[in-house]
Amino acid sequence: MSEEHAQAVEEVTREVKDVKLENGTAAGAANGTPSKNEDNAIPFKDAFKMFSKFGDPKSDGKQITLSQSDKWMKQAKVIDGKKITTTDTAIHFKKLKLVKLGIDDYQKFLEDLAKSKKVELEDIKKKLTTCGQPGVSTHMTKSAAAAAAVDRLTDTSKYTGSHKQRFDETGKGKGIAGRKDLVDGSGYVSGYQHKDTYKSH
């Protein structure tokens, strides 16, 4: 396991060096200060490969579809529904007249999209390389809101009508007694309040 790990680290290091050579400088080091996202950023080539395989087990990771690209951009928050939408990405993707794009064509697609929407290409690439692995998204605000909604909807003290009958004062369910009118064979009429209080003289 440690040998495999060492090989993976070496491969990533080599690819990072390649990216540095392509761009001329390290990502985020243009102004001499390292970027905060540099630690969790992955090389563009690796991110492209991961997302081009996402949802397609037969993919070799060399070409990406519009659907996979949109998933990647949504996860990276490049597609925000305001500045850039899925309609924009579809228009620019279809301009290349290909169903799947290789990494070079995808770079052209990003350049065209950035130019058209007046967004910095480097900003788009930065978001795409720091959004993590496919399908992993952290929406803490949503989960907290969902938890609050679940708490509110499962608070038995707020139940009304027949639903209120199904739980006791502590909020514990009564089981079948709370769902069905069971036959009382005691001989008293239903609703009689003074059961077992009669004393013979």
N, C-alpha and C. Protein backbone atom coordinates (compact mmCIF):
# COMPACT_ATOMS: atom_id res chain seq x y z
N MET A 1 0.83 -1.21 0.00
CA MET A 1 0.00 0.00 0.00
C MET A 1 0.86 1.25 0.00
N SER A 2 1.93 1.23 0.83
CA SER A 2 2.81 2.39 0.93
C SER A 2 3.55 2.62 -0.39
N GLU A 3 3.90 1.52 -1.11
CA GLU A 3 4.59 1.63 -2.39
C GLU A 3 3.68 2.27 -3.43
N GLU A 4 2.40 1.83 -3.44
CA GLU A 4 1.41 2.40 -4.37
C GLU A 4 1.21 3.88 -4.07
N HIS A 5 1.15 4.19 -2.79
CA HIS A 5 0.97 5.58 -2.36
C HIS A 5 2.13 6.46 -2.83
N ALA A 6 3.34 5.92 -2.68
CA ALA A 6 4.54 6.66 -3.10
C ALA A 6 4.53 6.90 -4.60
N GLN A 7 4.07 5.90 -5.38
CA GLN A 7 4.00 6.03 -6.83
C GLN A 7 2.98 7.10 -7.22
N ALA A 8 1.83 7.08 -6.53
CA ALA A 8 0.77 8.06 -6.82
C ALA A 8 1.25 9.48 -6.53
N VAL A 9 1.97 9.65 -5.41
CA VAL A 9 2.51 10.97 -5.04
C VAL A 9 3.51 11.44 -6.09
N GLU A 10 4.36 10.52 -6.52
CA GLU A 10 5.38 10.86 -7.53
C GLU A 10 4.72 11.28 -8.84
N GLU A 11 3.65 10.56 -9.23
CA GLU A 11 2.94 10.86 -10.48
C GLU A 11 2.28 12.24 -10.42
N VAL A 12 1.63 12.53 -9.30
CA VAL A 12 0.98 13.84 -9.12
C VAL A 12 2.02 14.95 -9.14
N THR A 13 3.17 14.73 -8.47
CA THR A 13 4.24 15.73 -8.44
C THR A 13 4.75 16.02 -9.84
N ARG A 14 4.90 14.97 -10.62
CA ARG A 14 5.37 15.13 -12.00
C ARG A 14 4.37 15.95 -12.82
N GLU A 15 3.06 15.66 -12.63
CA GLU A 15 2.02 16.38 -13.38
C GLU A 15 1.92 17.84 -12.94
N VAL A 16 2.15 18.09 -11.66
CA VAL A 16 2.15 19.47 -11.16
C VAL A 16 3.29 20.25 -11.81
N LYS A 17 4.45 19.59 -11.94
CA LYS A 17 5.60 20.25 -12.60
C LYS A 17 5.26 20.58 -14.05
N ASP A 18 4.55 19.64 -14.72
CA ASP A 18 4.14 19.86 -16.11
C ASP A 18 3.22 21.06 -16.21
N VAL A 19 2.28 21.17 -15.28
CA VAL A 19 1.34 22.30 -15.26
C VAL A 19 2.10 23.60 -15.07
N LYS A 20 3.09 23.59 -14.15
CA LYS A 20 3.90 24.79 -13.89
C LYS A 20 4.64 25.21 -15.16
N LEU A 21 5.16 24.21 -15.91
CA LEU A 21 5.90 24.53 -17.13
C LEU A 21 4.96 25.09 -18.20
N GLU A 22 3.73 24.52 -18.29
CA GLU A 22 2.75 24.99 -19.27
C GLU A 22 2.36 26.44 -18.99
N ASN A 23 2.10 26.76 -17.76
CA ASN A 23 1.63 28.10 -17.39
C ASN A 23 2.75 29.10 -17.19
N GLY A 24 3.96 28.62 -17.05
CA GLY A 24 5.08 29.51 -16.81
C GLY A 24 5.34 29.73 -15.35
N THR A 25 4.28 29.74 -14.54
CA THR A 25 4.42 29.91 -13.08
C THR A 25 3.49 28.95 -12.39
N ALA A 26 3.70 28.75 -11.12
CA ALA A 26 2.82 27.88 -10.34
C ALA A 26 1.47 28.56 -10.18
N ALA A 27 0.39 27.74 -10.10
CA ALA A 27 -0.95 28.30 -9.94
C ALA A 27 -1.03 29.10 -8.66
N GLY A 28 -1.54 30.30 -8.76
CA GLY A 28 -1.73 31.15 -7.59
C GLY A 28 -0.49 31.88 -7.14
N ALA A 29 0.65 31.72 -7.87
CA ALA A 29 1.88 32.36 -7.43
C ALA A 29 2.27 33.53 -8.31
N ALA A 30 1.28 34.04 -9.08
CA ALA A 30 1.56 35.14 -10.00
C ALA A 30 2.03 36.39 -9.27
N ASN A 31 1.48 36.64 -8.09
CA ASN A 31 1.86 37.85 -7.36
C ASN A 31 2.89 37.56 -6.26
N GLY A 32 3.48 36.37 -6.33
CA GLY A 32 4.55 36.04 -5.38
C GLY A 32 4.07 35.40 -4.10
N THR A 33 2.74 35.35 -3.90
CA THR A 33 2.20 34.72 -2.68
C THR A 33 1.46 33.45 -3.05
N PRO A 34 1.67 32.38 -2.31
CA PRO A 34 0.98 31.13 -2.65
C PRO A 34 -0.52 31.25 -2.39
N SER A 35 -1.27 30.59 -3.25
CA SER A 35 -2.74 30.64 -3.11
C SER A 35 -3.19 29.77 -1.96
N LYS A 36 -4.29 30.16 -1.32
CA LYS A 36 -4.83 29.38 -0.20
C LYS A 36 -5.37 28.05 -0.69
N ASN A 37 -5.87 28.03 -1.97
CA ASN A 37 -6.46 26.82 -2.52
C ASN A 37 -5.43 25.89 -3.13
N GLU A 38 -4.16 26.29 -3.10
CA GLU A 38 -3.12 25.51 -3.76
C GLU A 38 -3.02 24.10 -3.16
N ASP A 39 -3.27 23.98 -1.87
CA ASP A 39 -3.15 22.68 -1.20
C ASP A 39 -4.15 21.68 -1.72
N ASN A 40 -5.43 22.11 -1.90
CA ASN A 40 -6.43 21.14 -2.33
C ASN A 40 -6.72 21.21 -3.83
N ALA A 41 -5.94 22.01 -4.57
CA ALA A 41 -6.09 22.08 -6.02
C ALA A 41 -5.44 20.85 -6.64
N ILE A 42 -6.10 20.34 -7.68
CA ILE A 42 -5.53 19.21 -8.41
C ILE A 42 -5.22 19.67 -9.82
N PRO A 43 -4.23 19.07 -10.50
CA PRO A 43 -3.91 19.49 -11.86
C PRO A 43 -5.14 19.42 -12.76
N PHE A 44 -5.26 20.38 -13.68
CA PHE A 44 -6.41 20.46 -14.58
C PHE A 44 -6.58 19.16 -15.36
N LYS A 45 -5.45 18.58 -15.78
CA LYS A 45 -5.47 17.33 -16.55
C LYS A 45 -6.13 16.20 -15.75
N ASP A 46 -5.80 16.12 -14.46
CA ASP A 46 -6.36 15.08 -13.58
C ASP A 46 -7.85 15.29 -13.34
N ALA A 47 -8.21 16.56 -13.09
CA ALA A 47 -9.62 16.88 -12.86
C ALA A 47 -10.45 16.55 -14.10
N PHE A 48 -9.91 16.89 -15.28
CA PHE A 48 -10.57 16.60 -16.55
C PHE A 48 -10.80 15.09 -16.69
N LYS A 49 -9.77 14.32 -16.36
CA LYS A 49 -9.84 12.86 -16.47
C LYS A 49 -10.91 12.29 -15.54
N MET A 50 -10.94 12.80 -14.30
CA MET A 50 -11.92 12.30 -13.31
C MET A 50 -13.35 12.58 -13.75
N PHE A 51 -13.61 13.82 -14.18
CA PHE A 51 -14.98 14.19 -14.55
C PHE A 51 -15.40 13.61 -15.89
N SER A 52 -14.43 13.31 -16.76
CA SER A 52 -14.79 12.68 -18.03
C SER A 52 -15.14 11.21 -17.85
N LYS A 53 -14.75 10.63 -16.71
CA LYS A 53 -15.12 9.24 -16.39
C LYS A 53 -16.38 9.18 -15.53
N PHE A 54 -16.76 10.33 -14.96
CA PHE A 54 -17.88 10.39 -14.01
C PHE A 54 -19.20 9.99 -14.70
N GLY A 55 -19.83 8.94 -14.19
CA GLY A 55 -21.12 8.48 -14.73
C GLY A 55 -20.99 7.66 -16.00
N ASP A 56 -19.76 7.40 -16.45
CA ASP A 56 -19.54 6.61 -17.66
C ASP A 56 -18.40 5.62 -17.41
N PRO A 57 -18.73 4.42 -16.95
CA PRO A 57 -17.68 3.44 -16.62
C PRO A 57 -16.84 3.02 -17.83
N LYS A 58 -17.37 3.21 -19.07
CA LYS A 58 -16.62 2.80 -20.26
C LYS A 58 -15.64 3.87 -20.74
N SER A 59 -15.73 5.07 -20.19
CA SER A 59 -14.87 6.17 -20.63
C SER A 59 -13.41 5.94 -20.27
N ASP A 60 -12.52 6.36 -21.18
CA ASP A 60 -11.08 6.22 -20.92
C ASP A 60 -10.51 7.49 -20.28
N GLY A 61 -11.35 8.50 -20.07
CA GLY A 61 -10.90 9.73 -19.41
C GLY A 61 -10.23 10.72 -20.33
N LYS A 62 -10.30 10.47 -21.65
CA LYS A 62 -9.64 11.38 -22.60
C LYS A 62 -10.61 12.37 -23.24
N GLN A 63 -11.91 12.07 -23.16
CA GLN A 63 -12.92 12.96 -23.75
C GLN A 63 -14.07 13.17 -22.79
N ILE A 64 -14.64 14.37 -22.83
CA ILE A 64 -15.72 14.74 -21.90
C ILE A 64 -16.97 15.14 -22.69
N THR A 65 -18.15 14.77 -22.16
CA THR A 65 -19.41 15.13 -22.80
C THR A 65 -19.93 16.44 -22.18
N LEU A 66 -20.95 17.01 -22.81
CA LEU A 66 -21.55 18.24 -22.30
C LEU A 66 -22.17 18.00 -20.93
N SER A 67 -22.82 16.85 -20.76
CA SER A 67 -23.45 16.51 -19.48
C SER A 67 -22.41 16.44 -18.35
N GLN A 68 -21.29 15.76 -18.63
CA GLN A 68 -20.22 15.64 -17.62
C GLN A 68 -19.60 17.01 -17.33
N SER A 69 -19.43 17.81 -18.38
CA SER A 69 -18.88 19.16 -18.22
C SER A 69 -19.79 20.02 -17.34
N ASP A 70 -21.10 19.92 -17.57
CA ASP A 70 -22.06 20.69 -16.77
C ASP A 70 -22.04 20.26 -15.30
N LYS A 71 -21.91 18.95 -15.07
CA LYS A 71 -21.83 18.45 -13.68
C LYS A 71 -20.59 19.03 -12.99
N TRP A 72 -19.49 19.03 -13.72
CA TRP A 72 -18.23 19.56 -13.21
C TRP A 72 -18.37 21.05 -12.89
N MET A 73 -18.94 21.78 -13.83
CA MET A 73 -19.08 23.24 -13.64
C MET A 73 -20.07 23.60 -12.53
N LYS A 74 -21.10 22.78 -12.38
CA LYS A 74 -22.07 23.03 -11.28
C LYS A 74 -21.40 22.78 -9.94
N GLN A 75 -20.63 21.70 -9.86
CA GLN A 75 -19.94 21.38 -8.61
C GLN A 75 -18.91 22.45 -8.27
N ALA A 76 -18.27 23.01 -9.30
CA ALA A 76 -17.26 24.04 -9.09
C ALA A 76 -17.88 25.43 -8.95
N LYS A 77 -19.20 25.49 -9.08
CA LYS A 77 -19.95 26.75 -9.00
C LYS A 77 -19.56 27.74 -10.11
N VAL A 78 -19.12 27.20 -11.25
CA VAL A 78 -18.89 28.03 -12.44
C VAL A 78 -20.27 28.35 -13.03
N ILE A 79 -21.10 27.30 -13.11
CA ILE A 79 -22.50 27.51 -13.51
C ILE A 79 -23.25 27.92 -12.25
N ASP A 80 -23.68 29.19 -12.24
CA ASP A 80 -24.39 29.70 -11.07
C ASP A 80 -25.85 30.04 -11.37
N GLY A 81 -26.25 29.84 -12.64
CA GLY A 81 -27.64 30.14 -13.01
C GLY A 81 -27.89 31.61 -13.30
N LYS A 82 -26.88 32.45 -13.09
CA LYS A 82 -27.03 33.90 -13.34
C LYS A 82 -26.04 34.35 -14.41
N LYS A 83 -24.76 34.38 -14.05
CA LYS A 83 -23.72 34.82 -14.98
C LYS A 83 -23.53 33.78 -16.09
N ILE A 84 -23.38 32.52 -15.67
CA ILE A 84 -23.21 31.41 -16.62
C ILE A 84 -24.28 30.37 -16.34
N THR A 85 -24.98 29.96 -17.40
CA THR A 85 -26.05 28.95 -17.26
C THR A 85 -25.72 27.74 -18.13
N THR A 86 -26.53 26.69 -17.99
CA THR A 86 -26.33 25.48 -18.80
C THR A 86 -26.63 25.77 -20.28
N THR A 87 -27.47 26.77 -20.54
CA THR A 87 -27.76 27.17 -21.92
C THR A 87 -26.49 27.75 -22.56
N ASP A 88 -25.77 28.58 -21.81
CA ASP A 88 -24.51 29.16 -22.30
C ASP A 88 -23.49 28.06 -22.62
N THR A 89 -23.36 27.11 -21.70
CA THR A 89 -22.36 26.04 -21.92
C THR A 89 -22.75 25.20 -23.13
N ALA A 90 -24.05 24.94 -23.30
CA ALA A 90 -24.52 24.13 -24.44
C ALA A 90 -24.22 24.83 -25.76
N ILE A 91 -24.49 26.14 -25.82
CA ILE A 91 -24.24 26.92 -27.06
C ILE A 91 -22.76 26.85 -27.45
N HIS A 92 -21.87 27.11 -26.47
CA HIS A 92 -20.43 27.13 -26.77
C HIS A 92 -19.86 25.74 -27.03
N PHE A 93 -20.45 24.72 -26.37
CA PHE A 93 -20.00 23.33 -26.58
C PHE A 93 -20.35 22.88 -28.00
N LYS A 94 -21.59 23.21 -28.43
CA LYS A 94 -22.07 22.78 -29.75
C LYS A 94 -21.35 23.50 -30.89
N LYS A 95 -20.74 24.66 -30.58
CA LYS A 95 -19.99 25.39 -31.62
C LYS A 95 -18.85 24.55 -32.18
N LEU A 96 -18.31 23.66 -31.32
CA LEU A 96 -17.18 22.83 -31.74
C LEU A 96 -17.62 21.62 -32.57
N LYS A 97 -18.95 21.44 -32.69
CA LYS A 97 -19.55 20.38 -33.53
C LYS A 97 -19.03 18.97 -33.20
N LEU A 98 -18.80 18.73 -31.92
CA LEU A 98 -18.37 17.40 -31.46
C LEU A 98 -19.23 16.98 -30.27
N VAL A 99 -19.50 15.68 -30.18
CA VAL A 99 -20.29 15.16 -29.06
C VAL A 99 -19.43 15.09 -27.80
N LYS A 100 -18.15 14.72 -27.99
CA LYS A 100 -17.19 14.66 -26.87
C LYS A 100 -15.97 15.50 -27.22
N LEU A 101 -15.43 16.16 -26.21
CA LEU A 101 -14.25 17.00 -26.43
C LEU A 101 -13.03 16.43 -25.72
N GLY A 102 -11.90 16.46 -26.43
CA GLY A 102 -10.62 16.12 -25.80
C GLY A 102 -10.16 17.32 -24.97
N ILE A 103 -9.07 17.16 -24.26
CA ILE A 103 -8.62 18.24 -23.35
C ILE A 103 -8.27 19.53 -24.10
N ASP A 104 -7.70 19.42 -25.32
CA ASP A 104 -7.34 20.62 -26.09
C ASP A 104 -8.58 21.37 -26.57
N ASP A 105 -9.56 20.60 -27.08
CA ASP A 105 -10.82 21.22 -27.52
C ASP A 105 -11.58 21.81 -26.33
N TYR A 106 -11.47 21.14 -25.18
CA TYR A 106 -12.15 21.63 -23.98
C TYR A 106 -11.56 22.96 -23.52
N GLN A 107 -10.24 23.10 -23.69
CA GLN A 107 -9.57 24.37 -23.36
C GLN A 107 -10.12 25.48 -24.26
N LYS A 108 -10.32 25.15 -25.57
CA LYS A 108 -10.88 26.13 -26.51
C LYS A 108 -12.30 26.51 -26.10
N PHE A 109 -13.07 25.50 -25.68
CA PHE A 109 -14.45 25.72 -25.22
C PHE A 109 -14.47 26.68 -24.02
N LEU A 110 -13.56 26.46 -23.07
CA LEU A 110 -13.48 27.32 -21.88
C LEU A 110 -13.07 28.75 -22.25
N GLU A 111 -12.11 28.86 -23.18
CA GLU A 111 -11.66 30.19 -23.62
C GLU A 111 -12.81 30.95 -24.27
N ASP A 112 -13.55 30.26 -25.14
CA ASP A 112 -14.69 30.87 -25.85
C ASP A 112 -15.77 31.30 -24.86
N LEU A 113 -16.05 30.42 -23.88
CA LEU A 113 -17.06 30.71 -22.86
C LEU A 113 -16.64 31.91 -22.00
N ALA A 114 -15.39 31.92 -21.57
CA ALA A 114 -14.87 33.01 -20.72
C ALA A 114 -14.93 34.34 -21.46
N LYS A 115 -14.54 34.32 -22.73
CA LYS A 115 -14.52 35.54 -23.54
C LYS A 115 -15.94 36.08 -23.73
N SER A 116 -16.86 35.17 -24.05
CA SER A 116 -18.25 35.55 -24.29
C SER A 116 -18.93 36.12 -23.05
N LYS A 117 -18.66 35.50 -21.89
CA LYS A 117 -19.33 35.91 -20.64
C LYS A 117 -18.52 36.94 -19.84
N LYS A 118 -17.39 37.40 -20.44
CA LYS A 118 -16.51 38.40 -19.79
C LYS A 118 -16.06 37.95 -18.39
N VAL A 119 -15.59 36.69 -18.35
CA VAL A 119 -15.07 36.11 -17.11
C VAL A 119 -13.62 35.71 -17.36
N GLU A 120 -12.79 35.83 -16.34
CA GLU A 120 -11.38 35.45 -16.49
C GLU A 120 -11.27 33.93 -16.63
N LEU A 121 -10.55 33.49 -17.66
CA LEU A 121 -10.34 32.05 -17.89
C LEU A 121 -9.66 31.40 -16.69
N GLU A 122 -8.70 32.10 -16.11
CA GLU A 122 -7.97 31.56 -14.95
C GLU A 122 -8.89 31.35 -13.75
N ASP A 123 -9.89 32.23 -13.59
CA ASP A 123 -10.86 32.07 -12.49
C ASP A 123 -11.67 30.80 -12.68
N ILE A 124 -12.10 30.56 -13.92
CA ILE A 124 -12.87 29.34 -14.22
C ILE A 124 -12.02 28.12 -13.94
N LYS A 125 -10.78 28.13 -14.43
CA LYS A 125 -9.89 26.97 -14.23
C LYS A 125 -9.59 26.73 -12.76
N LYS A 126 -9.44 27.83 -12.02
CA LYS A 126 -9.15 27.71 -10.58
C LYS A 126 -10.31 27.01 -9.86
N LYS A 127 -11.53 27.43 -10.22
CA LYS A 127 -12.72 26.80 -9.60
C LYS A 127 -12.82 25.33 -9.98
N LEU A 128 -12.51 25.03 -11.25
CA LEU A 128 -12.61 23.65 -11.74
C LEU A 128 -11.58 22.72 -11.09
N THR A 129 -10.43 23.28 -10.71
CA THR A 129 -9.38 22.42 -10.13
C THR A 129 -9.44 22.37 -8.59
N THR A 130 -10.31 23.18 -7.99
CA THR A 130 -10.39 23.17 -6.51
C THR A 130 -11.75 22.70 -5.99
N CYS A 131 -12.58 22.12 -6.88
CA CYS A 131 -13.93 21.71 -6.45
C CYS A 131 -13.97 20.29 -5.89
N GLY A 132 -12.84 19.60 -5.90
CA GLY A 132 -12.79 18.24 -5.34
C GLY A 132 -13.16 17.18 -6.35
N GLN A 133 -13.35 15.97 -5.85
CA GLN A 133 -13.66 14.83 -6.71
C GLN A 133 -15.12 14.86 -7.14
N PRO A 134 -15.44 14.19 -8.27
CA PRO A 134 -16.82 14.20 -8.77
C PRO A 134 -17.83 13.70 -7.74
N GLY A 135 -18.95 14.40 -7.66
CA GLY A 135 -20.05 13.98 -6.78
C GLY A 135 -19.89 14.37 -5.35
N VAL A 136 -18.74 14.96 -4.97
CA VAL A 136 -18.53 15.36 -3.58
C VAL A 136 -18.80 16.85 -3.47
N SER A 137 -19.88 17.20 -2.78
CA SER A 137 -20.17 18.62 -2.58
C SER A 137 -20.53 18.85 -1.14
N THR A 138 -20.15 19.98 -0.62
CA THR A 138 -20.42 20.30 0.78
C THR A 138 -21.39 21.46 0.88
N HIS A 139 -22.65 21.15 1.13
CA HIS A 139 -23.67 22.20 1.30
C HIS A 139 -24.18 22.15 2.73
N MET A 140 -23.37 22.65 3.64
CA MET A 140 -23.73 22.59 5.06
C MET A 140 -24.99 23.37 5.37
N THR A 141 -25.18 24.48 4.65
CA THR A 141 -26.36 25.31 4.92
C THR A 141 -27.64 24.55 4.58
N LYS A 142 -27.59 23.81 3.48
CA LYS A 142 -28.77 23.05 3.07
C LYS A 142 -29.07 21.94 4.07
N SER A 143 -28.04 21.20 4.49
CA SER A 143 -28.28 20.09 5.40
C SER A 143 -28.79 20.59 6.76
N ALA A 144 -28.29 21.75 7.19
CA ALA A 144 -28.77 22.32 8.46
C ALA A 144 -30.24 22.72 8.34
N ALA A 145 -30.59 23.30 7.19
CA ALA A 145 -31.98 23.70 6.96
C ALA A 145 -32.87 22.47 6.88
N ALA A 146 -32.36 21.41 6.24
CA ALA A 146 -33.13 20.17 6.12
C ALA A 146 -33.34 19.55 7.50
N ALA A 147 -32.30 19.58 8.33
CA ALA A 147 -32.40 19.04 9.69
C ALA A 147 -33.44 19.80 10.49
N ALA A 148 -33.46 21.13 10.33
CA ALA A 148 -34.44 21.96 11.05
C ALA A 148 -35.86 21.63 10.59
N ALA A 149 -36.00 21.41 9.29
CA ALA A 149 -37.32 21.07 8.73
C ALA A 149 -37.80 19.71 9.27
N VAL A 150 -36.87 18.76 9.32
CA VAL A 150 -37.21 17.42 9.83
C VAL A 150 -37.63 17.51 11.30
N ASP A 151 -36.87 18.28 12.09
CA ASP A 151 -37.22 18.46 13.51
C ASP A 151 -38.61 19.05 13.68
N ARG A 152 -38.90 20.05 12.85
CA ARG A 152 -40.20 20.74 12.94
C ARG A 152 -41.33 19.79 12.55
N LEU A 153 -41.10 19.00 11.49
CA LEU A 153 -42.17 18.11 11.00
C LEU A 153 -42.35 16.87 11.86
N THR A 154 -41.35 16.54 12.68
CA THR A 154 -41.48 15.35 13.52
C THR A 154 -41.75 15.70 14.99
N ASP A 155 -42.06 16.97 15.25
CA ASP A 155 -42.40 17.40 16.61
C ASP A 155 -43.86 17.05 16.87
N THR A 156 -44.08 15.96 17.63
CA THR A 156 -45.45 15.45 17.83
C THR A 156 -46.33 16.41 18.63
N SER A 157 -45.73 17.34 19.36
CA SER A 157 -46.54 18.27 20.16
C SER A 157 -47.30 19.25 19.26
N LYS A 158 -46.86 19.36 17.99
CA LYS A 158 -47.53 20.28 17.06
C LYS A 158 -48.56 19.57 16.19
N TYR A 159 -48.70 18.26 16.34
CA TYR A 159 -49.67 17.52 15.54
C TYR A 159 -51.10 17.86 15.96
N THR A 160 -52.01 17.80 15.01
CA THR A 160 -53.42 18.10 15.30
C THR A 160 -54.30 16.96 14.82
N GLY A 161 -55.59 17.06 15.16
CA GLY A 161 -56.58 16.09 14.67
C GLY A 161 -56.26 14.65 15.06
N SER A 162 -56.55 13.75 14.12
CA SER A 162 -56.37 12.31 14.41
C SER A 162 -54.90 11.94 14.57
N HIS A 163 -53.99 12.73 13.98
CA HIS A 163 -52.56 12.44 14.11
C HIS A 163 -52.09 12.62 15.55
N LYS A 164 -52.74 13.55 16.25
CA LYS A 164 -52.39 13.81 17.65
C LYS A 164 -52.69 12.59 18.53
N GLN A 165 -53.74 11.84 18.12
CA GLN A 165 -54.17 10.67 18.89
C GLN A 165 -53.14 9.53 18.84
N ARG A 166 -52.27 9.57 17.86
CA ARG A 166 -51.33 8.45 17.66
C ARG A 166 -50.14 8.47 18.59
N PHE A 167 -49.96 9.57 19.35
CA PHE A 167 -48.79 9.69 20.23
C PHE A 167 -49.22 10.06 21.64
N ASP A 168 -48.44 9.59 22.63
CA ASP A 168 -48.74 9.99 24.01
C ASP A 168 -48.05 11.33 24.32
N GLU A 169 -48.12 11.77 25.57
CA GLU A 169 -47.59 13.09 25.96
C GLU A 169 -46.07 13.20 25.75
N THR A 170 -45.38 12.07 25.84
CA THR A 170 -43.91 12.10 25.70
C THR A 170 -43.47 12.08 24.25
N GLY A 171 -44.41 11.85 23.34
CA GLY A 171 -44.08 11.80 21.92
C GLY A 171 -43.87 10.39 21.42
N LYS A 172 -44.06 9.41 22.30
CA LYS A 172 -43.89 8.01 21.90
C LYS A 172 -45.16 7.54 21.20
N GLY A 173 -45.00 6.78 20.11
CA GLY A 173 -46.15 6.28 19.37
C GLY A 173 -46.93 5.25 20.16
N LYS A 174 -48.25 5.26 19.99
CA LYS A 174 -49.10 4.30 20.70
C LYS A 174 -49.25 2.99 19.95
N GLY A 175 -48.68 2.92 18.78
CA GLY A 175 -48.79 1.70 17.99
C GLY A 175 -50.18 1.56 17.40
N ILE A 176 -50.69 0.31 17.37
CA ILE A 176 -51.99 0.05 16.75
C ILE A 176 -53.13 0.76 17.48
N ALA A 177 -52.96 0.98 18.77
CA ALA A 177 -54.00 1.67 19.55
C ALA A 177 -54.18 3.11 19.07
N GLY A 178 -53.15 3.67 18.52
CA GLY A 178 -53.23 5.04 18.01
C GLY A 178 -53.79 5.13 16.61
N ARG A 179 -53.89 3.95 15.94
CA ARG A 179 -54.37 3.96 14.55
C ARG A 179 -55.76 3.37 14.39
N LYS A 180 -56.13 2.50 15.29
CA LYS A 180 -57.42 1.83 15.14
C LYS A 180 -58.27 2.01 16.39
N ASP A 181 -59.59 2.01 16.19
CA ASP A 181 -60.52 2.02 17.33
C ASP A 181 -60.71 0.57 17.77
N LEU A 182 -60.08 0.23 18.88
CA LEU A 182 -60.18 -1.14 19.38
C LEU A 182 -61.49 -1.33 20.14
N VAL A 183 -62.08 -2.53 20.01
CA VAL A 183 -63.36 -2.82 20.67
C VAL A 183 -63.12 -2.96 22.17
N ASP A 184 -63.88 -2.19 22.93
CA ASP A 184 -63.79 -2.24 24.39
C ASP A 184 -64.88 -3.19 24.89
N GLY A 185 -64.48 -4.34 25.40
CA GLY A 185 -65.46 -5.34 25.85
C GLY A 185 -65.82 -5.21 27.32
N SER A 186 -65.62 -4.01 27.87
CA SER A 186 -65.85 -3.84 29.31
C SER A 186 -67.33 -3.71 29.67
N GLY A 187 -68.15 -3.38 28.67
CA GLY A 187 -69.58 -3.20 28.95
C GLY A 187 -69.97 -1.75 29.12
N TYR A 188 -69.00 -0.86 29.21
CA TYR A 188 -69.31 0.58 29.33
C TYR A 188 -69.51 1.18 27.93
N VAL A 189 -70.33 2.20 27.84
CA VAL A 189 -70.51 2.89 26.56
C VAL A 189 -69.26 3.72 26.29
N SER A 190 -69.01 3.94 25.01
CA SER A 190 -67.80 4.70 24.67
C SER A 190 -67.93 6.14 25.15
N GLY A 191 -66.85 6.66 25.67
CA GLY A 191 -66.84 8.04 26.16
C GLY A 191 -67.23 8.18 27.62
N TYR A 192 -67.57 7.06 28.28
CA TYR A 192 -67.96 7.14 29.69
C TYR A 192 -66.72 7.45 30.54
N GLN A 193 -66.84 8.51 31.34
CA GLN A 193 -65.68 9.03 32.07
C GLN A 193 -65.44 8.38 33.44
N HIS A 194 -66.47 7.79 34.04
CA HIS A 194 -66.35 7.31 35.42
C HIS A 194 -66.27 5.78 35.53
N LYS A 195 -65.50 5.20 34.64
CA LYS A 195 -65.33 3.76 34.60
C LYS A 195 -64.72 3.26 35.93
N ASP A 196 -65.25 2.16 36.44
CA ASP A 196 -64.76 1.49 37.66
C ASP A 196 -64.87 2.39 38.91
N THR A 197 -65.78 3.35 38.90
CA THR A 197 -65.93 4.19 40.10
C THR A 197 -67.19 3.82 40.90
N TYR A 198 -68.03 2.93 40.35
CA TYR A 198 -69.28 2.59 41.02
C TYR A 198 -69.00 1.76 42.27
N LYS A 199 -69.64 2.14 43.34
CA LYS A 199 -69.51 1.37 44.60
C LYS A 199 -70.89 0.87 44.98
N SER A 200 -70.93 -0.38 45.29
CA SER A 200 -72.24 -0.94 45.72
C SER A 200 -72.50 -0.57 47.16
N HIS A 201 -73.79 -0.35 47.52
CA HIS A 201 -74.16 0.06 48.88
C HIS A 201 -74.49 -1.15 49.72
